[in-house]
Amino acid sequence: MIKVLFICHGNICRSPMAEFVMKDLVTKAGKRGAFEIASAAVSREELGNPVYPPAKRKLLEHGIRCDGHAARQMTRADYDKFDYIIGMDSSNLRGMQRICGGDPEHKFSLLMEHTNRPGDVADPWYTGDFEETWRDVYEGCTALLKEISG
């Protein structure tokens, strides 16, 4: 089983969008049973909170539900459990390094590094542009799935 963990600052916008987009993509590819997909935060600010309403609406516009999500913080144990740990921006990577004490197995990457447009996923918490974030997340998850699936 391939285990993928998406990380953002609060686990209420970008990382849950990536989690549920990736789940949708693997289901449509007929590979749902081959993957375990989750998301988490580097901060404790939003612990227990659901997906931020505008992010949830953007997912629903594309027929993707995110019911039952509760924000959680990444733990050191996640490093041992997951094969791919995907951050949304360079600040997330620093937090991931701090929480896990490094990345000796080279599991960390940024989502957009898997596309031909490396960089950060736009943070809608600051931009208010959930469409731009959707495009980044969808493009990144599509490229990541293609890369992982060979």
N, C-alpha and C. Protein backbone atom coordinates (compact mmCIF):
# COMPACT_ATOMS: atom_id res chain seq x y z
N MET A 1 0.85 -1.18 0.00
CA MET A 1 0.00 0.00 0.00
C MET A 1 0.89 1.24 0.00
N ILE A 2 0.53 2.22 -0.81
CA ILE A 2 1.25 3.49 -0.90
C ILE A 2 0.58 4.48 0.05
N LYS A 3 1.37 5.05 0.95
CA LYS A 3 0.82 5.94 1.98
C LYS A 3 1.33 7.35 1.75
N VAL A 4 0.36 8.28 1.59
CA VAL A 4 0.67 9.68 1.27
C VAL A 4 0.05 10.58 2.33
N LEU A 5 0.86 11.49 2.86
CA LEU A 5 0.40 12.47 3.85
C LEU A 5 0.65 13.87 3.30
N PHE A 6 -0.41 14.67 3.23
CA PHE A 6 -0.31 16.06 2.78
C PHE A 6 -0.26 16.97 4.00
N ILE A 7 0.61 17.98 3.94
CA ILE A 7 0.84 18.87 5.08
C ILE A 7 0.65 20.33 4.67
N CYS A 8 -0.04 21.10 5.52
CA CYS A 8 -0.06 22.56 5.38
C CYS A 8 0.00 23.16 6.78
N HIS A 9 -0.19 24.45 6.88
CA HIS A 9 -0.04 25.12 8.18
C HIS A 9 -1.09 24.66 9.19
N GLY A 10 -2.38 24.77 8.83
CA GLY A 10 -3.44 24.51 9.79
C GLY A 10 -4.29 23.28 9.55
N ASN A 11 -4.13 22.63 8.39
CA ASN A 11 -4.89 21.44 8.02
C ASN A 11 -6.39 21.73 7.89
N ILE A 12 -6.70 22.95 7.39
CA ILE A 12 -8.11 23.26 7.13
C ILE A 12 -8.36 23.74 5.70
N CYS A 13 -7.32 24.05 4.94
CA CYS A 13 -7.49 24.50 3.55
C CYS A 13 -6.72 23.62 2.57
N ARG A 14 -5.44 23.90 2.40
CA ARG A 14 -4.68 23.26 1.33
C ARG A 14 -4.47 21.77 1.51
N SER A 15 -4.00 21.33 2.67
CA SER A 15 -3.72 19.90 2.81
C SER A 15 -4.98 19.03 2.77
N PRO A 16 -6.10 19.45 3.38
CA PRO A 16 -7.29 18.62 3.19
C PRO A 16 -7.81 18.66 1.76
N MET A 17 -7.65 19.81 1.08
CA MET A 17 -8.03 19.84 -0.34
C MET A 17 -7.22 18.81 -1.10
N ALA A 18 -5.91 18.76 -0.85
CA ALA A 18 -5.05 17.79 -1.53
C ALA A 18 -5.44 16.36 -1.15
N GLU A 19 -5.71 16.12 0.13
CA GLU A 19 -6.12 14.78 0.57
C GLU A 19 -7.35 14.30 -0.19
N PHE A 20 -8.38 15.13 -0.24
CA PHE A 20 -9.63 14.68 -0.84
C PHE A 20 -9.57 14.68 -2.37
N VAL A 21 -8.79 15.56 -2.97
CA VAL A 21 -8.57 15.51 -4.42
C VAL A 21 -7.83 14.22 -4.77
N MET A 22 -6.79 13.89 -4.03
CA MET A 22 -6.02 12.68 -4.31
C MET A 22 -6.88 11.44 -4.12
N LYS A 23 -7.69 11.40 -3.08
CA LYS A 23 -8.60 10.27 -2.88
C LYS A 23 -9.53 10.12 -4.08
N ASP A 24 -10.04 11.24 -4.58
CA ASP A 24 -10.93 11.22 -5.74
C ASP A 24 -10.19 10.71 -6.98
N LEU A 25 -8.97 11.19 -7.19
CA LEU A 25 -8.19 10.77 -8.36
C LEU A 25 -7.87 9.28 -8.32
N VAL A 26 -7.46 8.76 -7.16
CA VAL A 26 -7.12 7.33 -7.10
C VAL A 26 -8.37 6.47 -7.23
N THR A 27 -9.49 6.94 -6.71
CA THR A 27 -10.75 6.20 -6.87
C THR A 27 -11.13 6.13 -8.34
N LYS A 28 -11.06 7.27 -9.03
CA LYS A 28 -11.39 7.30 -10.46
C LYS A 28 -10.42 6.46 -11.29
N ALA A 29 -9.19 6.30 -10.81
CA ALA A 29 -8.19 5.48 -11.51
C ALA A 29 -8.32 4.00 -11.15
N GLY A 30 -9.28 3.68 -10.28
CA GLY A 30 -9.48 2.29 -9.87
C GLY A 30 -8.39 1.77 -8.94
N LYS A 31 -7.74 2.68 -8.21
CA LYS A 31 -6.61 2.29 -7.36
C LYS A 31 -6.84 2.60 -5.89
N ARG A 32 -8.07 2.81 -5.48
CA ARG A 32 -8.36 3.24 -4.11
C ARG A 32 -7.77 2.30 -3.06
N GLY A 33 -7.86 1.01 -3.28
CA GLY A 33 -7.36 0.04 -2.32
C GLY A 33 -5.86 0.00 -2.19
N ALA A 34 -5.17 0.62 -3.13
CA ALA A 34 -3.70 0.60 -3.13
C ALA A 34 -3.10 1.80 -2.38
N PHE A 35 -3.95 2.70 -1.91
CA PHE A 35 -3.47 3.94 -1.30
C PHE A 35 -4.08 4.18 0.07
N GLU A 36 -3.29 4.77 0.94
CA GLU A 36 -3.79 5.38 2.17
C GLU A 36 -3.39 6.85 2.08
N ILE A 37 -4.37 7.73 2.19
CA ILE A 37 -4.14 9.16 1.98
C ILE A 37 -4.71 9.92 3.17
N ALA A 38 -3.92 10.85 3.71
CA ALA A 38 -4.34 11.63 4.87
C ALA A 38 -3.72 13.02 4.78
N SER A 39 -4.04 13.86 5.76
CA SER A 39 -3.46 15.20 5.82
C SER A 39 -3.29 15.61 7.27
N ALA A 40 -2.41 16.60 7.47
CA ALA A 40 -2.13 17.09 8.82
C ALA A 40 -1.55 18.50 8.74
N ALA A 41 -1.37 19.10 9.91
CA ALA A 41 -0.84 20.46 10.03
C ALA A 41 0.54 20.45 10.67
N VAL A 42 1.28 21.51 10.44
CA VAL A 42 2.52 21.70 11.21
C VAL A 42 2.23 22.51 12.48
N SER A 43 1.10 23.21 12.53
CA SER A 43 0.76 24.02 13.70
C SER A 43 -0.36 23.36 14.50
N ARG A 44 -0.63 23.92 15.67
CA ARG A 44 -1.72 23.42 16.52
C ARG A 44 -2.93 24.36 16.48
N GLU A 45 -2.88 25.39 15.66
CA GLU A 45 -3.87 26.47 15.69
C GLU A 45 -5.30 26.03 15.40
N GLU A 46 -5.48 25.05 14.54
CA GLU A 46 -6.83 24.68 14.09
C GLU A 46 -7.24 23.28 14.52
N LEU A 47 -6.55 22.69 15.49
CA LEU A 47 -6.81 21.30 15.88
C LEU A 47 -8.29 21.04 16.10
N GLY A 48 -8.79 19.97 15.47
CA GLY A 48 -10.17 19.56 15.62
C GLY A 48 -11.15 20.26 14.70
N ASN A 49 -10.71 21.30 14.01
CA ASN A 49 -11.63 22.05 13.15
C ASN A 49 -11.86 21.33 11.82
N PRO A 50 -13.05 21.55 11.23
CA PRO A 50 -13.34 20.96 9.92
C PRO A 50 -12.65 21.74 8.80
N VAL A 51 -12.82 21.27 7.59
CA VAL A 51 -12.31 22.00 6.42
C VAL A 51 -12.95 23.38 6.41
N TYR A 52 -12.15 24.40 6.16
CA TYR A 52 -12.60 25.79 6.11
C TYR A 52 -13.72 25.90 5.07
N PRO A 53 -14.86 26.53 5.40
CA PRO A 53 -16.03 26.52 4.51
C PRO A 53 -15.75 26.88 3.05
N PRO A 54 -14.98 27.93 2.73
CA PRO A 54 -14.74 28.20 1.30
C PRO A 54 -13.96 27.09 0.60
N ALA A 55 -13.06 26.41 1.31
CA ALA A 55 -12.33 25.28 0.72
C ALA A 55 -13.29 24.11 0.50
N LYS A 56 -14.17 23.89 1.46
CA LYS A 56 -15.17 22.82 1.33
C LYS A 56 -16.08 23.09 0.13
N ARG A 57 -16.50 24.36 -0.02
CA ARG A 57 -17.35 24.71 -1.17
C ARG A 57 -16.64 24.47 -2.49
N LYS A 58 -15.35 24.80 -2.55
CA LYS A 58 -14.58 24.60 -3.79
C LYS A 58 -14.50 23.12 -4.13
N LEU A 59 -14.28 22.28 -3.14
CA LEU A 59 -14.27 20.83 -3.38
C LEU A 59 -15.63 20.36 -3.88
N LEU A 60 -16.70 20.83 -3.23
CA LEU A 60 -18.05 20.42 -3.62
C LEU A 60 -18.39 20.86 -5.04
N GLU A 61 -17.86 22.01 -5.48
CA GLU A 61 -18.06 22.45 -6.87
C GLU A 61 -17.56 21.41 -7.86
N HIS A 62 -16.59 20.62 -7.42
CA HIS A 62 -15.99 19.60 -8.28
C HIS A 62 -16.47 18.20 -7.89
N GLY A 63 -17.54 18.14 -7.11
CA GLY A 63 -18.15 16.86 -6.75
C GLY A 63 -17.37 16.06 -5.71
N ILE A 64 -16.53 16.74 -4.94
CA ILE A 64 -15.70 16.06 -3.95
C ILE A 64 -16.16 16.45 -2.55
N ARG A 65 -16.52 15.44 -1.76
CA ARG A 65 -16.96 15.67 -0.38
C ARG A 65 -15.78 15.53 0.57
N CYS A 66 -15.86 16.25 1.69
CA CYS A 66 -14.78 16.19 2.70
C CYS A 66 -15.37 16.07 4.10
N ASP A 67 -16.50 15.41 4.20
CA ASP A 67 -17.17 15.25 5.49
C ASP A 67 -16.28 14.49 6.47
N GLY A 68 -16.39 14.84 7.73
CA GLY A 68 -15.71 14.10 8.78
C GLY A 68 -14.27 14.51 9.04
N HIS A 69 -13.76 15.45 8.26
CA HIS A 69 -12.37 15.87 8.47
C HIS A 69 -12.26 16.69 9.75
N ALA A 70 -11.24 16.40 10.54
CA ALA A 70 -10.91 17.19 11.73
C ALA A 70 -9.40 17.45 11.69
N ALA A 71 -9.03 18.72 11.73
CA ALA A 71 -7.61 19.08 11.64
C ALA A 71 -6.82 18.41 12.76
N ARG A 72 -5.63 17.94 12.38
CA ARG A 72 -4.72 17.34 13.36
C ARG A 72 -3.30 17.79 13.05
N GLN A 73 -2.45 17.68 14.04
CA GLN A 73 -1.05 18.06 13.85
C GLN A 73 -0.23 16.83 13.47
N MET A 74 0.72 17.03 12.58
CA MET A 74 1.67 15.99 12.21
C MET A 74 2.46 15.56 13.45
N THR A 75 2.82 14.28 13.50
CA THR A 75 3.64 13.75 14.59
C THR A 75 4.88 13.07 14.02
N ARG A 76 5.84 12.82 14.87
CA ARG A 76 7.04 12.09 14.46
C ARG A 76 6.68 10.70 13.94
N ALA A 77 5.65 10.08 14.52
CA ALA A 77 5.21 8.74 14.10
C ALA A 77 4.74 8.74 12.64
N ASP A 78 4.22 9.88 12.17
CA ASP A 78 3.79 9.96 10.77
C ASP A 78 4.96 9.71 9.82
N TYR A 79 6.15 10.11 10.22
CA TYR A 79 7.32 9.92 9.36
C TYR A 79 7.55 8.43 9.10
N ASP A 80 7.38 7.62 10.12
CA ASP A 80 7.57 6.18 9.97
C ASP A 80 6.43 5.53 9.21
N LYS A 81 5.23 6.07 9.33
CA LYS A 81 4.04 5.46 8.73
C LYS A 81 3.91 5.74 7.24
N PHE A 82 4.21 6.97 6.80
CA PHE A 82 3.92 7.38 5.42
C PHE A 82 5.14 7.28 4.52
N ASP A 83 4.88 6.98 3.24
CA ASP A 83 5.93 6.87 2.22
C ASP A 83 6.26 8.22 1.60
N TYR A 84 5.24 9.03 1.40
CA TYR A 84 5.37 10.36 0.80
C TYR A 84 4.75 11.36 1.75
N ILE A 85 5.51 12.40 2.10
CA ILE A 85 5.00 13.46 2.97
C ILE A 85 5.17 14.76 2.21
N ILE A 86 4.03 15.33 1.81
CA ILE A 86 4.01 16.39 0.81
C ILE A 86 3.56 17.71 1.43
N GLY A 87 4.45 18.69 1.47
CA GLY A 87 4.12 20.01 1.97
C GLY A 87 3.59 20.91 0.87
N MET A 88 2.94 21.98 1.29
CA MET A 88 2.37 22.93 0.34
C MET A 88 3.30 24.11 0.08
N ASP A 89 4.17 24.44 1.05
CA ASP A 89 5.10 25.56 0.84
C ASP A 89 6.36 25.35 1.67
N SER A 90 7.33 26.22 1.47
CA SER A 90 8.64 26.06 2.13
C SER A 90 8.53 26.20 3.65
N SER A 91 7.60 26.99 4.12
CA SER A 91 7.38 27.10 5.56
C SER A 91 6.90 25.76 6.13
N ASN A 92 6.03 25.07 5.41
CA ASN A 92 5.58 23.74 5.83
C ASN A 92 6.77 22.78 5.92
N LEU A 93 7.65 22.83 4.92
CA LEU A 93 8.83 21.95 4.94
C LEU A 93 9.68 22.18 6.19
N ARG A 94 9.86 23.44 6.57
CA ARG A 94 10.63 23.73 7.79
C ARG A 94 9.93 23.14 9.01
N GLY A 95 8.61 23.27 9.08
CA GLY A 95 7.86 22.69 10.19
C GLY A 95 7.94 21.17 10.20
N MET A 96 7.88 20.56 9.03
CA MET A 96 7.99 19.11 8.92
C MET A 96 9.35 18.64 9.42
N GLN A 97 10.40 19.37 9.03
CA GLN A 97 11.76 19.04 9.48
C GLN A 97 11.86 19.14 11.00
N ARG A 98 11.25 20.19 11.55
CA ARG A 98 11.28 20.41 13.00
C ARG A 98 10.57 19.28 13.74
N ILE A 99 9.38 18.93 13.29
CA ILE A 99 8.58 17.90 13.96
C ILE A 99 9.25 16.53 13.87
N CYS A 100 9.81 16.22 12.72
CA CYS A 100 10.37 14.88 12.49
C CYS A 100 11.86 14.78 12.78
N GLY A 101 12.51 15.90 13.04
CA GLY A 101 13.94 15.87 13.31
C GLY A 101 14.77 15.60 12.08
N GLY A 102 14.26 16.00 10.92
CA GLY A 102 14.98 15.80 9.66
C GLY A 102 14.21 14.88 8.73
N ASP A 103 14.84 14.57 7.61
CA ASP A 103 14.22 13.73 6.57
C ASP A 103 15.26 12.75 6.02
N PRO A 104 15.76 11.84 6.85
CA PRO A 104 16.84 10.95 6.41
C PRO A 104 16.44 10.00 5.28
N GLU A 105 15.14 9.69 5.15
CA GLU A 105 14.69 8.77 4.11
C GLU A 105 14.17 9.50 2.86
N HIS A 106 14.32 10.81 2.84
CA HIS A 106 13.92 11.63 1.68
C HIS A 106 12.45 11.42 1.29
N LYS A 107 11.59 11.52 2.28
CA LYS A 107 10.15 11.38 2.06
C LYS A 107 9.47 12.72 1.80
N PHE A 108 10.12 13.82 2.15
CA PHE A 108 9.53 15.15 2.05
C PHE A 108 9.67 15.71 0.64
N SER A 109 8.62 16.39 0.19
CA SER A 109 8.70 17.19 -1.04
C SER A 109 7.59 18.23 -0.97
N LEU A 110 7.66 19.18 -1.88
CA LEU A 110 6.57 20.14 -2.07
C LEU A 110 5.68 19.62 -3.18
N LEU A 111 4.38 19.81 -3.04
CA LEU A 111 3.43 19.29 -4.03
C LEU A 111 3.77 19.77 -5.44
N MET A 112 4.06 21.06 -5.58
CA MET A 112 4.28 21.60 -6.92
C MET A 112 5.62 21.17 -7.53
N GLU A 113 6.52 20.57 -6.73
CA GLU A 113 7.75 20.01 -7.29
C GLU A 113 7.47 18.85 -8.23
N HIS A 114 6.29 18.28 -8.13
CA HIS A 114 5.92 17.14 -8.97
C HIS A 114 5.32 17.59 -10.30
N THR A 115 5.23 18.89 -10.50
CA THR A 115 4.69 19.47 -11.74
C THR A 115 5.83 20.17 -12.49
N ASN A 116 5.48 20.78 -13.61
CA ASN A 116 6.49 21.58 -14.33
C ASN A 116 6.46 23.04 -13.85
N ARG A 117 5.77 23.30 -12.72
CA ARG A 117 5.71 24.64 -12.12
C ARG A 117 6.09 24.56 -10.64
N PRO A 118 7.35 24.21 -10.32
CA PRO A 118 7.71 24.10 -8.91
C PRO A 118 7.51 25.42 -8.17
N GLY A 119 7.20 25.31 -6.91
CA GLY A 119 6.96 26.48 -6.07
C GLY A 119 5.94 26.14 -5.01
N ASP A 120 5.34 27.16 -4.44
CA ASP A 120 4.36 26.98 -3.38
C ASP A 120 2.95 26.87 -3.93
N VAL A 121 2.11 26.10 -3.24
CA VAL A 121 0.67 26.10 -3.51
C VAL A 121 0.13 27.39 -2.91
N ALA A 122 -0.62 28.13 -3.70
CA ALA A 122 -1.20 29.40 -3.23
C ALA A 122 -2.01 29.16 -1.96
N ASP A 123 -1.79 29.98 -0.94
CA ASP A 123 -2.49 29.84 0.34
C ASP A 123 -3.73 30.71 0.35
N PRO A 124 -4.92 30.09 0.24
CA PRO A 124 -6.15 30.88 0.16
C PRO A 124 -6.51 31.58 1.46
N TRP A 125 -5.89 31.17 2.56
CA TRP A 125 -6.14 31.85 3.84
C TRP A 125 -5.74 33.31 3.71
N TYR A 126 -4.68 33.56 2.92
CA TYR A 126 -4.18 34.92 2.73
C TYR A 126 -4.66 35.54 1.43
N THR A 127 -4.76 34.74 0.37
CA THR A 127 -5.13 35.29 -0.94
C THR A 127 -6.64 35.40 -1.12
N GLY A 128 -7.40 34.53 -0.45
CA GLY A 128 -8.84 34.48 -0.66
C GLY A 128 -9.22 33.84 -1.99
N ASP A 129 -8.22 33.38 -2.75
CA ASP A 129 -8.45 32.83 -4.10
C ASP A 129 -8.44 31.30 -4.05
N PHE A 130 -9.60 30.73 -3.75
CA PHE A 130 -9.70 29.28 -3.64
C PHE A 130 -9.65 28.60 -5.00
N GLU A 131 -9.97 29.32 -6.06
CA GLU A 131 -9.86 28.76 -7.41
C GLU A 131 -8.39 28.53 -7.77
N GLU A 132 -7.52 29.49 -7.47
CA GLU A 132 -6.09 29.32 -7.74
C GLU A 132 -5.54 28.14 -6.94
N THR A 133 -5.94 28.04 -5.69
CA THR A 133 -5.49 26.92 -4.85
C THR A 133 -5.99 25.61 -5.42
N TRP A 134 -7.26 25.56 -5.85
CA TRP A 134 -7.80 24.35 -6.47
C TRP A 134 -6.94 23.94 -7.66
N ARG A 135 -6.61 24.89 -8.53
CA ARG A 135 -5.82 24.57 -9.73
C ARG A 135 -4.45 24.01 -9.34
N ASP A 136 -3.79 24.65 -8.38
CA ASP A 136 -2.49 24.16 -7.93
C ASP A 136 -2.61 22.74 -7.35
N VAL A 137 -3.57 22.54 -6.47
CA VAL A 137 -3.74 21.25 -5.81
C VAL A 137 -4.08 20.17 -6.83
N TYR A 138 -5.00 20.46 -7.73
CA TYR A 138 -5.40 19.46 -8.72
C TYR A 138 -4.22 19.10 -9.63
N GLU A 139 -3.50 20.11 -10.10
CA GLU A 139 -2.34 19.86 -10.96
C GLU A 139 -1.27 19.07 -10.21
N GLY A 140 -1.01 19.45 -8.97
CA GLY A 140 0.00 18.76 -8.18
C GLY A 140 -0.37 17.32 -7.88
N CYS A 141 -1.61 17.09 -7.49
CA CYS A 141 -2.05 15.72 -7.18
C CYS A 141 -2.07 14.84 -8.42
N THR A 142 -2.50 15.41 -9.55
CA THR A 142 -2.50 14.65 -10.80
C THR A 142 -1.08 14.22 -11.16
N ALA A 143 -0.14 15.15 -11.06
CA ALA A 143 1.26 14.85 -11.38
C ALA A 143 1.85 13.86 -10.38
N LEU A 144 1.55 14.02 -9.10
CA LEU A 144 2.06 13.11 -8.08
C LEU A 144 1.55 11.70 -8.31
N LEU A 145 0.26 11.55 -8.59
CA LEU A 145 -0.31 10.23 -8.84
C LEU A 145 0.36 9.58 -10.05
N LYS A 146 0.56 10.34 -11.10
CA LYS A 146 1.23 9.81 -12.30
C LYS A 146 2.65 9.35 -11.95
N GLU A 147 3.36 10.15 -11.18
CA GLU A 147 4.73 9.82 -10.78
C GLU A 147 4.77 8.56 -9.91
N ILE A 148 3.89 8.48 -8.94
CA ILE A 148 3.87 7.33 -8.02
C ILE A 148 3.45 6.06 -8.75
N SER A 149 2.47 6.20 -9.65
CA SER A 149 1.92 5.03 -10.35
C SER A 149 2.84 4.52 -11.44
N GLY A 150 3.84 5.34 -11.80
CA GLY A 150 4.79 4.92 -12.82
C GLY A 150 4.19 5.02 -14.17
